[in-house]
Amino acid sequence: MGLHKISRKPSEYAEQHAYWGFFDDPIGVELRHHVGVDHVMWGSDFPHEVTRWPESQKMLSEHMAGVPEDERRKMLGENIEKFFHLDLEARSRSSIASRRWTREGGCP
């Protein structure tokens, strides 16, 4: 018995399978290209004591200054959607349909 020999470097497995989270970490934002911007996710850590709420949006804006919009979208939502296998577009469509249904009298 024992471990099977791996066929690639450990860093290659990490690049493919690991995701990196941050919430108050300007260095994490700066290093996004070293770990892969497609695997970096921001979270507020609310409601824990270590959160920066209610200043989290201000802090996030400071940390993300100069980050291109496409990379911001990835770190703030798209990577999370991919990691958790979410379909946020479907949820948005559902929410819009629900509001329309309620507005048109479909809800008692």
PDB file of N, CA and C in Angstrom:
ATOM      1  N   MET A   1       0.847  -1.165   0.000  1.00  0.00           N
ATOM      2  CA  MET A   1       0.000   0.000   0.000  1.00  0.00           C
ATOM      3  C   MET A   1       0.894   1.228   0.000  1.00  0.00           C
ATOM      4  N   GLY A   2       0.351   2.338  -0.176  1.00  0.00           N
ATOM      5  CA  GLY A   2       1.121   3.568  -0.207  1.00  0.00           C
ATOM      6  C   GLY A   2       0.464   4.547  -1.141  1.00  0.00           C
ATOM      7  N   LEU A   3       1.116   5.636  -1.314  1.00  0.00           N
ATOM      8  CA  LEU A   3       0.579   6.665  -2.186  1.00  0.00           C
ATOM      9  C   LEU A   3       1.003   6.420  -3.616  1.00  0.00           C
ATOM     10  N   HIS A   4       0.121   6.726  -4.516  1.00  0.00           N
ATOM     11  CA  HIS A   4       0.449   6.634  -5.931  1.00  0.00           C
ATOM     12  C   HIS A   4       1.302   7.833  -6.320  1.00  0.00           C
ATOM     13  N   LYS A   5       2.216   7.617  -7.221  1.00  0.00           N
ATOM     14  CA  LYS A   5       3.049   8.704  -7.708  1.00  0.00           C
ATOM     15  C   LYS A   5       2.176   9.642  -8.540  1.00  0.00           C
ATOM     16  N   ILE A   6       2.315  10.936  -8.279  1.00  0.00           N
ATOM     17  CA  ILE A   6       1.529  11.897  -9.042  1.00  0.00           C
ATOM     18  C   ILE A   6       2.216  12.191 -10.366  1.00  0.00           C
ATOM     19  N   SER A   7       1.418  12.535 -11.352  1.00  0.00           N
ATOM     20  CA  SER A   7       1.963  12.727 -12.696  1.00  0.00           C
ATOM     21  C   SER A   7       2.343  14.180 -12.995  1.00  0.00           C
ATOM     22  N   ARG A   8       1.922  15.093 -12.145  1.00  0.00           N
ATOM     23  CA  ARG A   8       2.235  16.502 -12.369  1.00  0.00           C
ATOM     24  C   ARG A   8       2.800  17.111 -11.099  1.00  0.00           C
ATOM     25  N   LYS A   9       3.292  18.339 -11.201  1.00  0.00           N
ATOM     26  CA  LYS A   9       3.796  19.063 -10.040  1.00  0.00           C
ATOM     27  C   LYS A   9       2.613  19.411  -9.123  1.00  0.00           C
ATOM     28  N   PRO A  10       2.826  19.446  -7.813  1.00  0.00           N
ATOM     29  CA  PRO A  10       1.747  19.850  -6.897  1.00  0.00           C
ATOM     30  C   PRO A  10       1.164  21.224  -7.252  1.00  0.00           C
ATOM     31  N   SER A  11       1.998  22.138  -7.705  1.00  0.00           N
ATOM     32  CA  SER A  11       1.512  23.474  -8.063  1.00  0.00           C
ATOM     33  C   SER A  11       0.515  23.412  -9.220  1.00  0.00           C
ATOM     34  N   GLU A  12       0.670  22.459 -10.111  1.00  0.00           N
ATOM     35  CA  GLU A  12      -0.261  22.325 -11.227  1.00  0.00           C
ATOM     36  C   GLU A  12      -1.634  21.857 -10.735  1.00  0.00           C
ATOM     37  N   TYR A  13      -1.651  20.979  -9.749  1.00  0.00           N
ATOM     38  CA  TYR A  13      -2.924  20.565  -9.156  1.00  0.00           C
ATOM     39  C   TYR A  13      -3.585  21.743  -8.447  1.00  0.00           C
ATOM     40  N   ALA A  14      -2.792  22.526  -7.728  1.00  0.00           N
ATOM     41  CA  ALA A  14      -3.327  23.694  -7.030  1.00  0.00           C
ATOM     42  C   ALA A  14      -3.903  24.702  -8.022  1.00  0.00           C
ATOM     43  N   GLU A  15      -3.194  24.958  -9.107  1.00  0.00           N
ATOM     44  CA  GLU A  15      -3.678  25.898 -10.118  1.00  0.00           C
ATOM     45  C   GLU A  15      -5.014  25.464 -10.693  1.00  0.00           C
ATOM     46  N   GLN A  16      -5.208  24.181 -10.843  1.00  0.00           N
ATOM     47  CA  GLN A  16      -6.423  23.663 -11.452  1.00  0.00           C
ATOM     48  C   GLN A  16      -7.573  23.525 -10.452  1.00  0.00           C
ATOM     49  N   HIS A  17      -7.286  23.158  -9.204  1.00  0.00           N
ATOM     50  CA  HIS A  17      -8.347  22.779  -8.280  1.00  0.00           C
ATOM     51  C   HIS A  17      -8.543  23.695  -7.078  1.00  0.00           C
ATOM     52  N   ALA A  18      -7.584  24.524  -6.733  1.00  0.00           N
ATOM     53  CA  ALA A  18      -7.688  25.344  -5.524  1.00  0.00           C
ATOM     54  C   ALA A  18      -8.248  26.726  -5.848  1.00  0.00           C
ATOM     55  N   TYR A  19      -9.062  27.229  -4.950  1.00  0.00           N
ATOM     56  CA  TYR A  19      -9.572  28.594  -5.031  1.00  0.00           C
ATOM     57  C   TYR A  19      -9.059  29.346  -3.814  1.00  0.00           C
ATOM     58  N   TRP A  20      -8.809  30.639  -3.977  1.00  0.00           N
ATOM     59  CA  TRP A  20      -8.200  31.437  -2.924  1.00  0.00           C
ATOM     60  C   TRP A  20      -9.149  32.568  -2.570  1.00  0.00           C
ATOM     61  N   GLY A  21      -9.508  32.648  -1.306  1.00  0.00           N
ATOM     62  CA  GLY A  21     -10.418  33.679  -0.854  1.00  0.00           C
ATOM     63  C   GLY A  21      -9.700  34.766  -0.080  1.00  0.00           C
ATOM     64  N   PHE A  22     -10.248  35.980  -0.125  1.00  0.00           N
ATOM     65  CA  PHE A  22      -9.710  37.094   0.642  1.00  0.00           C
ATOM     66  C   PHE A  22     -10.862  38.025   0.990  1.00  0.00           C
ATOM     67  N   PHE A  23     -10.697  38.817   2.046  1.00  0.00           N
ATOM     68  CA  PHE A  23     -11.690  39.843   2.317  1.00  0.00           C
ATOM     69  C   PHE A  23     -11.060  41.173   2.706  1.00  0.00           C
ATOM     70  N   ASP A  24      -9.925  41.181   3.338  1.00  0.00           N
ATOM     71  CA  ASP A  24      -9.218  42.431   3.639  1.00  0.00           C
ATOM     72  C   ASP A  24      -7.741  42.149   3.386  1.00  0.00           C
ATOM     73  N   ASP A  25      -7.394  42.116   2.107  1.00  0.00           N
ATOM     74  CA  ASP A  25      -6.065  41.647   1.754  1.00  0.00           C
ATOM     75  C   ASP A  25      -5.598  42.294   0.453  1.00  0.00           C
ATOM     76  N   PRO A  26      -5.053  43.517   0.514  1.00  0.00           N
ATOM     77  CA  PRO A  26      -4.592  44.144  -0.723  1.00  0.00           C
ATOM     78  C   PRO A  26      -3.481  43.344  -1.410  1.00  0.00           C
ATOM     79  N   ILE A  27      -2.684  42.609  -0.646  1.00  0.00           N
ATOM     80  CA  ILE A  27      -1.631  41.780  -1.252  1.00  0.00           C
ATOM     81  C   ILE A  27      -2.258  40.632  -2.040  1.00  0.00           C
ATOM     82  N   GLY A  28      -3.365  40.083  -1.534  1.00  0.00           N
ATOM     83  CA  GLY A  28      -4.084  39.033  -2.258  1.00  0.00           C
ATOM     84  C   GLY A  28      -4.534  39.505  -3.632  1.00  0.00           C
ATOM     85  N   VAL A  29      -4.991  40.750  -3.702  1.00  0.00           N
ATOM     86  CA  VAL A  29      -5.407  41.320  -4.987  1.00  0.00           C
ATOM     87  C   VAL A  29      -4.184  41.491  -5.886  1.00  0.00           C
ATOM     88  N   GLU A  30      -3.094  41.977  -5.329  1.00  0.00           N
ATOM     89  CA  GLU A  30      -1.877  42.189  -6.123  1.00  0.00           C
ATOM     90  C   GLU A  30      -1.312  40.877  -6.664  1.00  0.00           C
ATOM     91  N   LEU A  31      -1.449  39.796  -5.905  1.00  0.00           N
ATOM     92  CA  LEU A  31      -0.884  38.505  -6.312  1.00  0.00           C
ATOM     93  C   LEU A  31      -1.825  37.664  -7.167  1.00  0.00           C
ATOM     94  N   ARG A  32      -2.938  38.225  -7.598  1.00  0.00           N
ATOM     95  CA  ARG A  32      -3.955  37.450  -8.321  1.00  0.00           C
ATOM     96  C   ARG A  32      -3.426  36.755  -9.567  1.00  0.00           C
ATOM     97  N   HIS A  33      -2.435  37.327 -10.211  1.00  0.00           N
ATOM     98  CA  HIS A  33      -1.903  36.699 -11.423  1.00  0.00           C
ATOM     99  C   HIS A  33      -0.945  35.554 -11.104  1.00  0.00           C
ATOM    100  N   HIS A  34      -0.425  35.523  -9.897  1.00  0.00           N
ATOM    101  CA  HIS A  34       0.460  34.428  -9.498  1.00  0.00           C
ATOM    102  C   HIS A  34      -0.317  33.154  -9.176  1.00  0.00           C
ATOM    103  N   VAL A  35      -1.530  33.320  -8.648  1.00  0.00           N
ATOM    104  CA  VAL A  35      -2.344  32.145  -8.319  1.00  0.00           C
ATOM    105  C   VAL A  35      -3.414  31.893  -9.374  1.00  0.00           C
ATOM    106  N   GLY A  36      -3.639  32.864 -10.233  1.00  0.00           N
ATOM    107  CA  GLY A  36      -4.634  32.735 -11.287  1.00  0.00           C
ATOM    108  C   GLY A  36      -5.897  33.497 -10.942  1.00  0.00           C
ATOM    109  N   VAL A  37      -6.157  34.571 -11.645  1.00  0.00           N
ATOM    110  CA  VAL A  37      -7.311  35.421 -11.353  1.00  0.00           C
ATOM    111  C   VAL A  37      -8.628  34.655 -11.459  1.00  0.00           C
ATOM    112  N   ASP A  38      -8.641  33.551 -12.185  1.00  0.00           N
ATOM    113  CA  ASP A  38      -9.852  32.740 -12.307  1.00  0.00           C
ATOM    114  C   ASP A  38     -10.153  31.929 -11.057  1.00  0.00           C
ATOM    115  N   HIS A  39      -9.239  31.943 -10.083  1.00  0.00           N
ATOM    116  CA  HIS A  39      -9.420  31.159  -8.856  1.00  0.00           C
ATOM    117  C   HIS A  39      -9.319  32.015  -7.594  1.00  0.00           C
ATOM    118  N   VAL A  40      -9.597  33.313  -7.724  1.00  0.00           N
ATOM    119  CA  VAL A  40      -9.555  34.220  -6.578  1.00  0.00           C
ATOM    120  C   VAL A  40     -10.969  34.724  -6.323  1.00  0.00           C
ATOM    121  N   MET A  41     -11.400  34.698  -5.038  1.00  0.00           N
ATOM    122  CA  MET A  41     -12.765  35.106  -4.696  1.00  0.00           C
ATOM    123  C   MET A  41     -12.755  36.019  -3.472  1.00  0.00           C
ATOM    124  N   TRP A  42     -13.489  37.116  -3.562  1.00  0.00           N
ATOM    125  CA  TRP A  42     -13.645  38.007  -2.417  1.00  0.00           C
ATOM    126  C   TRP A  42     -14.881  37.612  -1.623  1.00  0.00           C
ATOM    127  N   GLY A  43     -14.786  37.744  -0.308  1.00  0.00           N
ATOM    128  CA  GLY A  43     -15.931  37.546   0.574  1.00  0.00           C
ATOM    129  C   GLY A  43     -15.839  38.517   1.729  1.00  0.00           C
ATOM    130  N   SER A  44     -16.969  38.926   2.255  1.00  0.00           N
ATOM    131  CA  SER A  44     -16.981  39.938   3.318  1.00  0.00           C
ATOM    132  C   SER A  44     -16.759  39.349   4.701  1.00  0.00           C
ATOM    133  N   ASP A  45     -16.966  38.057   4.875  1.00  0.00           N
ATOM    134  CA  ASP A  45     -16.887  37.359   6.151  1.00  0.00           C
ATOM    135  C   ASP A  45     -17.914  37.877   7.149  1.00  0.00           C
ATOM    136  N   PHE A  46     -18.938  38.573   6.661  1.00  0.00           N
ATOM    137  CA  PHE A  46     -20.036  39.028   7.507  1.00  0.00           C
ATOM    138  C   PHE A  46     -20.829  37.818   7.955  1.00  0.00           C
ATOM    139  N   PRO A  47     -21.277  37.691   9.144  1.00  0.00           N
ATOM    140  CA  PRO A  47     -21.344  38.641  10.249  1.00  0.00           C
ATOM    141  C   PRO A  47     -20.281  38.426  11.321  1.00  0.00           C
ATOM    142  N   HIS A  48     -19.175  37.805  11.009  1.00  0.00           N
ATOM    143  CA  HIS A  48     -18.134  37.571  12.011  1.00  0.00           C
ATOM    144  C   HIS A  48     -17.488  38.874  12.463  1.00  0.00           C
ATOM    145  N   GLU A  49     -16.917  38.850  13.637  1.00  0.00           N
ATOM    146  CA  GLU A  49     -16.311  40.053  14.205  1.00  0.00           C
ATOM    147  C   GLU A  49     -15.173  40.612  13.367  1.00  0.00           C
ATOM    148  N   VAL A  50     -14.472  39.760  12.638  1.00  0.00           N
ATOM    149  CA  VAL A  50     -13.319  40.237  11.873  1.00  0.00           C
ATOM    150  C   VAL A  50     -13.723  40.913  10.570  1.00  0.00           C
ATOM    151  N   THR A  51     -14.996  40.970  10.256  1.00  0.00           N
ATOM    152  CA  THR A  51     -15.451  41.602   9.031  1.00  0.00           C
ATOM    153  C   THR A  51     -15.172  43.104   9.047  1.00  0.00           C
ATOM    154  N   ARG A  52     -15.169  43.734   7.920  1.00  0.00           N
ATOM    155  CA  ARG A  52     -14.966  45.184   7.836  1.00  0.00           C
ATOM    156  C   ARG A  52     -16.292  45.930   7.654  1.00  0.00           C
ATOM    157  N   TRP A  53     -17.417  45.216   7.763  1.00  0.00           N
ATOM    158  CA  TRP A  53     -18.722  45.836   7.660  1.00  0.00           C
ATOM    159  C   TRP A  53     -18.893  46.837   8.779  1.00  0.00           C
ATOM    160  N   PRO A  54     -19.434  47.998   8.556  1.00  0.00           N
ATOM    161  CA  PRO A  54     -20.148  48.467   7.362  1.00  0.00           C
ATOM    162  C   PRO A  54     -19.260  49.182   6.346  1.00  0.00           C
ATOM    163  N   GLU A  55     -17.970  49.100   6.503  1.00  0.00           N
ATOM    164  CA  GLU A  55     -17.025  49.783   5.605  1.00  0.00           C
ATOM    165  C   GLU A  55     -16.464  48.855   4.527  1.00  0.00           C
ATOM    166  N   SER A  56     -17.064  47.682   4.336  1.00  0.00           N
ATOM    167  CA  SER A  56     -16.485  46.697   3.414  1.00  0.00           C
ATOM    168  C   SER A  56     -16.443  47.185   1.968  1.00  0.00           C
ATOM    169  N   GLN A  57     -17.465  47.908   1.522  1.00  0.00           N
ATOM    170  CA  GLN A  57     -17.459  48.392   0.142  1.00  0.00           C
ATOM    171  C   GLN A  57     -16.371  49.450  -0.076  1.00  0.00           C
ATOM    172  N   LYS A  58     -16.171  50.299   0.917  1.00  0.00           N
ATOM    173  CA  LYS A  58     -15.106  51.311   0.834  1.00  0.00           C
ATOM    174  C   LYS A  58     -13.744  50.621   0.785  1.00  0.00           C
ATOM    175  N   MET A  59     -13.533  49.653   1.689  1.00  0.00           N
ATOM    176  CA  MET A  59     -12.271  48.921   1.725  1.00  0.00           C
ATOM    177  C   MET A  59     -12.036  48.177   0.403  1.00  0.00           C
ATOM    178  N   LEU A  60     -13.090  47.557  -0.102  1.00  0.00           N
ATOM    179  CA  LEU A  60     -12.971  46.813  -1.353  1.00  0.00           C
ATOM    180  C   LEU A  60     -12.606  47.748  -2.509  1.00  0.00           C
ATOM    181  N   SER A  61     -13.207  48.907  -2.568  1.00  0.00           N
ATOM    182  CA  SER A  61     -12.876  49.878  -3.619  1.00  0.00           C
ATOM    183  C   SER A  61     -11.407  50.286  -3.553  1.00  0.00           C
ATOM    184  N   GLU A  62     -10.898  50.461  -2.342  1.00  0.00           N
ATOM    185  CA  GLU A  62      -9.483  50.822  -2.181  1.00  0.00           C
ATOM    186  C   GLU A  62      -8.583  49.688  -2.649  1.00  0.00           C
ATOM    187  N   HIS A  63      -8.907  48.454  -2.269  1.00  0.00           N
ATOM    188  CA  HIS A  63      -8.078  47.307  -2.651  1.00  0.00           C
ATOM    189  C   HIS A  63      -8.140  47.030  -4.153  1.00  0.00           C
ATOM    190  N   MET A  64      -9.268  47.339  -4.779  1.00  0.00           N
ATOM    191  CA  MET A  64      -9.470  47.026  -6.199  1.00  0.00           C
ATOM    192  C   MET A  64      -9.107  48.189  -7.122  1.00  0.00           C
ATOM    193  N   ALA A  65      -8.606  49.278  -6.554  1.00  0.00           N
ATOM    194  CA  ALA A  65      -8.227  50.425  -7.384  1.00  0.00           C
ATOM    195  C   ALA A  65      -7.219  49.982  -8.445  1.00  0.00           C
ATOM    196  N   GLY A  66      -7.507  50.280  -9.681  1.00  0.00           N
ATOM    197  CA  GLY A  66      -6.605  49.941 -10.771  1.00  0.00           C
ATOM    198  C   GLY A  66      -6.774  48.544 -11.327  1.00  0.00           C
ATOM    199  N   VAL A  67      -7.653  47.732 -10.751  1.00  0.00           N
ATOM    200  CA  VAL A  67      -7.891  46.376 -11.253  1.00  0.00           C
ATOM    201  C   VAL A  67      -8.865  46.471 -12.432  1.00  0.00           C
ATOM    202  N   PRO A  68      -8.525  45.884 -13.577  1.00  0.00           N
ATOM    203  CA  PRO A  68      -9.428  45.944 -14.734  1.00  0.00           C
ATOM    204  C   PRO A  68     -10.805  45.354 -14.418  1.00  0.00           C
ATOM    205  N   GLU A  69     -11.826  45.906 -15.060  1.00  0.00           N
ATOM    206  CA  GLU A  69     -13.216  45.514 -14.804  1.00  0.00           C
ATOM    207  C   GLU A  69     -13.452  44.012 -14.975  1.00  0.00           C
ATOM    208  N   ASP A  70     -12.865  43.396 -15.998  1.00  0.00           N
ATOM    209  CA  ASP A  70     -13.092  41.963 -16.208  1.00  0.00           C
ATOM    210  C   ASP A  70     -12.527  41.133 -15.053  1.00  0.00           C
ATOM    211  N   GLU A  71     -11.411  41.554 -14.488  1.00  0.00           N
ATOM    212  CA  GLU A  71     -10.832  40.836 -13.350  1.00  0.00           C
ATOM    213  C   GLU A  71     -11.650  41.078 -12.085  1.00  0.00           C
ATOM    214  N   ARG A  72     -12.162  42.294 -11.921  1.00  0.00           N
ATOM    215  CA  ARG A  72     -13.040  42.591 -10.775  1.00  0.00           C
ATOM    216  C   ARG A  72     -14.274  41.693 -10.813  1.00  0.00           C
ATOM    217  N   ARG A  73     -14.891  41.589 -11.994  1.00  0.00           N
ATOM    218  CA  ARG A  73     -16.086  40.747 -12.126  1.00  0.00           C
ATOM    219  C   ARG A  73     -15.786  39.308 -11.744  1.00  0.00           C
ATOM    220  N   LYS A  74     -14.636  38.813 -12.152  1.00  0.00           N
ATOM    221  CA  LYS A  74     -14.261  37.440 -11.811  1.00  0.00           C
ATOM    222  C   LYS A  74     -14.121  37.271 -10.300  1.00  0.00           C
ATOM    223  N   MET A  75     -13.360  38.151  -9.667  1.00  0.00           N
ATOM    224  CA  MET A  75     -13.074  38.006  -8.238  1.00  0.00           C
ATOM    225  C   MET A  75     -14.288  38.294  -7.357  1.00  0.00           C
ATOM    226  N   LEU A  76     -15.220  39.122  -7.840  1.00  0.00           N
ATOM    227  CA  LEU A  76     -16.359  39.517  -7.022  1.00  0.00           C
ATOM    228  C   LEU A  76     -17.619  38.703  -7.301  1.00  0.00           C
ATOM    229  N   GLY A  77     -17.619  37.871  -8.332  1.00  0.00           N
ATOM    230  CA  GLY A  77     -18.842  37.133  -8.601  1.00  0.00           C
ATOM    231  C   GLY A  77     -18.714  35.935  -9.523  1.00  0.00           C
ATOM    232  N   GLU A  78     -18.087  36.125 -10.661  1.00  0.00           N
ATOM    233  CA  GLU A  78     -18.050  35.048 -11.649  1.00  0.00           C
ATOM    234  C   GLU A  78     -17.338  33.800 -11.132  1.00  0.00           C
ATOM    235  N   ASN A  79     -16.236  33.977 -10.409  1.00  0.00           N
ATOM    236  CA  ASN A  79     -15.515  32.808  -9.877  1.00  0.00           C
ATOM    237  C   ASN A  79     -16.346  32.090  -8.821  1.00  0.00           C
ATOM    238  N   ILE A  80     -17.089  32.848  -8.034  1.00  0.00           N
ATOM    239  CA  ILE A  80     -17.962  32.260  -7.013  1.00  0.00           C
ATOM    240  C   ILE A  80     -19.081  31.473  -7.684  1.00  0.00           C
ATOM    241  N   GLU A  81     -19.656  32.070  -8.713  1.00  0.00           N
ATOM    242  CA  GLU A  81     -20.721  31.406  -9.474  1.00  0.00           C
ATOM    243  C   GLU A  81     -20.207  30.079 -10.047  1.00  0.00           C
ATOM    244  N   LYS A  82     -19.002  30.100 -10.588  1.00  0.00           N
ATOM    245  CA  LYS A  82     -18.416  28.894 -11.168  1.00  0.00           C
ATOM    246  C   LYS A  82     -18.104  27.851 -10.090  1.00  0.00           C
ATOM    247  N   PHE A  83     -17.507  28.274  -8.989  1.00  0.00           N
ATOM    248  CA  PHE A  83     -17.116  27.355  -7.922  1.00  0.00           C
ATOM    249  C   PHE A  83     -18.322  26.636  -7.324  1.00  0.00           C
ATOM    250  N   PHE A  84     -19.406  27.376  -7.088  1.00  0.00           N
ATOM    251  CA  PHE A  84     -20.592  26.791  -6.467  1.00  0.00           C
ATOM    252  C   PHE A  84     -21.612  26.279  -7.486  1.00  0.00           C
ATOM    253  N   HIS A  85     -21.250  26.322  -8.773  1.00  0.00           N
ATOM    254  CA  HIS A  85     -22.142  25.849  -9.839  1.00  0.00           C
ATOM    255  C   HIS A  85     -23.484  26.565  -9.794  1.00  0.00           C
ATOM    256  N   LEU A  86     -23.450  27.891  -9.672  1.00  0.00           N
ATOM    257  CA  LEU A  86     -24.655  28.702  -9.620  1.00  0.00           C
ATOM    258  C   LEU A  86     -25.014  29.191 -11.012  1.00  0.00           C
ATOM    259  N   ASP A  87     -26.262  29.471 -11.221  1.00  0.00           N
ATOM    260  CA  ASP A  87     -26.725  30.077 -12.467  1.00  0.00           C
ATOM    261  C   ASP A  87     -27.400  31.386 -12.091  1.00  0.00           C
ATOM    262  N   LEU A  88     -26.598  32.432 -11.911  1.00  0.00           N
ATOM    263  CA  LEU A  88     -27.120  33.700 -11.441  1.00  0.00           C
ATOM    264  C   LEU A  88     -28.007  34.377 -12.475  1.00  0.00           C
ATOM    265  N   GLU A  89     -27.778  34.118 -13.759  1.00  0.00           N
ATOM    266  CA  GLU A  89     -28.655  34.680 -14.785  1.00  0.00           C
ATOM    267  C   GLU A  89     -30.049  34.098 -14.654  1.00  0.00           C
ATOM    268  N   ALA A  90     -30.148  32.791 -14.409  1.00  0.00           N
ATOM    269  CA  ALA A  90     -31.457  32.160 -14.231  1.00  0.00           C
ATOM    270  C   ALA A  90     -32.146  32.718 -13.003  1.00  0.00           C
ATOM    271  N   ARG A  91     -31.400  32.928 -11.932  1.00  0.00           N
ATOM    272  CA  ARG A  91     -31.976  33.485 -10.710  1.00  0.00           C
ATOM    273  C   ARG A  91     -32.494  34.888 -10.977  1.00  0.00           C
ATOM    274  N   SER A  92     -31.740  35.678 -11.716  1.00  0.00           N
ATOM    275  CA  SER A  92     -32.159  37.030 -12.042  1.00  0.00           C
ATOM    276  C   SER A  92     -33.435  37.004 -12.878  1.00  0.00           C
ATOM    277  N   ARG A  93     -33.498  36.121 -13.884  1.00  0.00           N
ATOM    278  CA  ARG A  93     -34.702  36.002 -14.704  1.00  0.00           C
ATOM    279  C   ARG A  93     -35.884  35.585 -13.851  1.00  0.00           C
ATOM    280  N   SER A  94     -35.667  34.657 -12.934  1.00  0.00           N
ATOM    281  CA  SER A  94     -36.723  34.187 -12.045  1.00  0.00           C
ATOM    282  C   SER A  94     -37.222  35.316 -11.151  1.00  0.00           C
ATOM    283  N   SER A  95     -36.315  36.113 -10.643  1.00  0.00           N
ATOM    284  CA  SER A  95     -36.675  37.228  -9.780  1.00  0.00           C
ATOM    285  C   SER A  95     -37.498  38.257 -10.539  1.00  0.00           C
ATOM    286  N   ILE A  96     -37.100  38.543 -11.765  1.00  0.00           N
ATOM    287  CA  ILE A  96     -37.838  39.496 -12.601  1.00  0.00           C
ATOM    288  C   ILE A  96     -39.239  38.961 -12.875  1.00  0.00           C
ATOM    289  N   ALA A  97     -39.340  37.683 -13.221  1.00  0.00           N
ATOM    290  CA  ALA A  97     -40.644  37.077 -13.488  1.00  0.00           C
ATOM    291  C   ALA A  97     -41.515  37.100 -12.237  1.00  0.00           C
ATOM    292  N   SER A  98     -40.933  36.853 -11.083  1.00  0.00           N
ATOM    293  CA  SER A  98     -41.669  36.863  -9.827  1.00  0.00           C
ATOM    294  C   SER A  98     -42.219  38.252  -9.528  1.00  0.00           C
ATOM    295  N   ARG A  99     -41.400  39.276  -9.738  1.00  0.00           N
ATOM    296  CA  ARG A  99     -41.871  40.643  -9.495  1.00  0.00           C
ATOM    297  C   ARG A  99     -43.007  40.998 -10.454  1.00  0.00           C
ATOM    298  N   ARG A 100     -42.886  40.584 -11.719  1.00  0.00           N
ATOM    299  CA  ARG A 100     -43.922  40.858 -12.699  1.00  0.00           C
ATOM    300  C   ARG A 100     -45.212  40.152 -12.299  1.00  0.00           C
ATOM    301  N   TRP A 101     -45.114  38.894 -11.869  1.00  0.00           N
ATOM    302  CA  TRP A 101     -46.274  38.114 -11.467  1.00  0.00           C
ATOM    303  C   TRP A 101     -46.979  38.774 -10.289  1.00  0.00           C
ATOM    304  N   THR A 102     -46.205  39.249  -9.309  1.00  0.00           N
ATOM    305  CA  THR A 102     -46.763  39.917  -8.136  1.00  0.00           C
ATOM    306  C   THR A 102     -47.432  41.235  -8.538  1.00  0.00           C
ATOM    307  N   ARG A 103     -46.785  42.005  -9.389  1.00  0.00           N
ATOM    308  CA  ARG A 103     -47.300  43.295  -9.827  1.00  0.00           C
ATOM    309  C   ARG A 103     -48.607  43.132 -10.596  1.00  0.00           C
ATOM    310  N   GLU A 104     -48.736  42.022 -11.353  1.00  0.00           N
ATOM    311  CA  GLU A 104     -49.925  41.810 -12.170  1.00  0.00           C
ATOM    312  C   GLU A 104     -51.052  41.123 -11.408  1.00  0.00           C
ATOM    313  N   GLY A 105     -50.915  41.015 -10.094  1.00  0.00           N
ATOM    314  CA  GLY A 105     -51.996  40.484  -9.304  1.00  0.00           C
ATOM    315  C   GLY A 105     -51.985  38.987  -9.121  1.00  0.00           C
ATOM    316  N   GLY A 106     -50.890  38.335  -9.443  1.00  0.00           N
ATOM    317  CA  GLY A 106     -50.819  36.875  -9.301  1.00  0.00           C
ATOM    318  C   GLY A 106     -50.601  36.430  -7.882  1.00  0.00           C
ATOM    319  N   CYS A 107     -50.312  37.353  -6.994  1.00  0.00           N
ATOM    320  CA  CYS A 107     -50.039  36.998  -5.600  1.00  0.00           C
ATOM    321  C   CYS A 107     -51.162  37.566  -4.733  1.00  0.00           C
ATOM    322  N   PRO A 108     -51.737  36.769  -3.824  1.00  0.00           N
ATOM    323  CA  PRO A 108     -52.838  37.266  -2.984  1.00  0.00           C
ATOM    324  C   PRO A 108     -52.420  38.385  -2.076  1.00  0.00           C
TER     325      PRO A 108
END
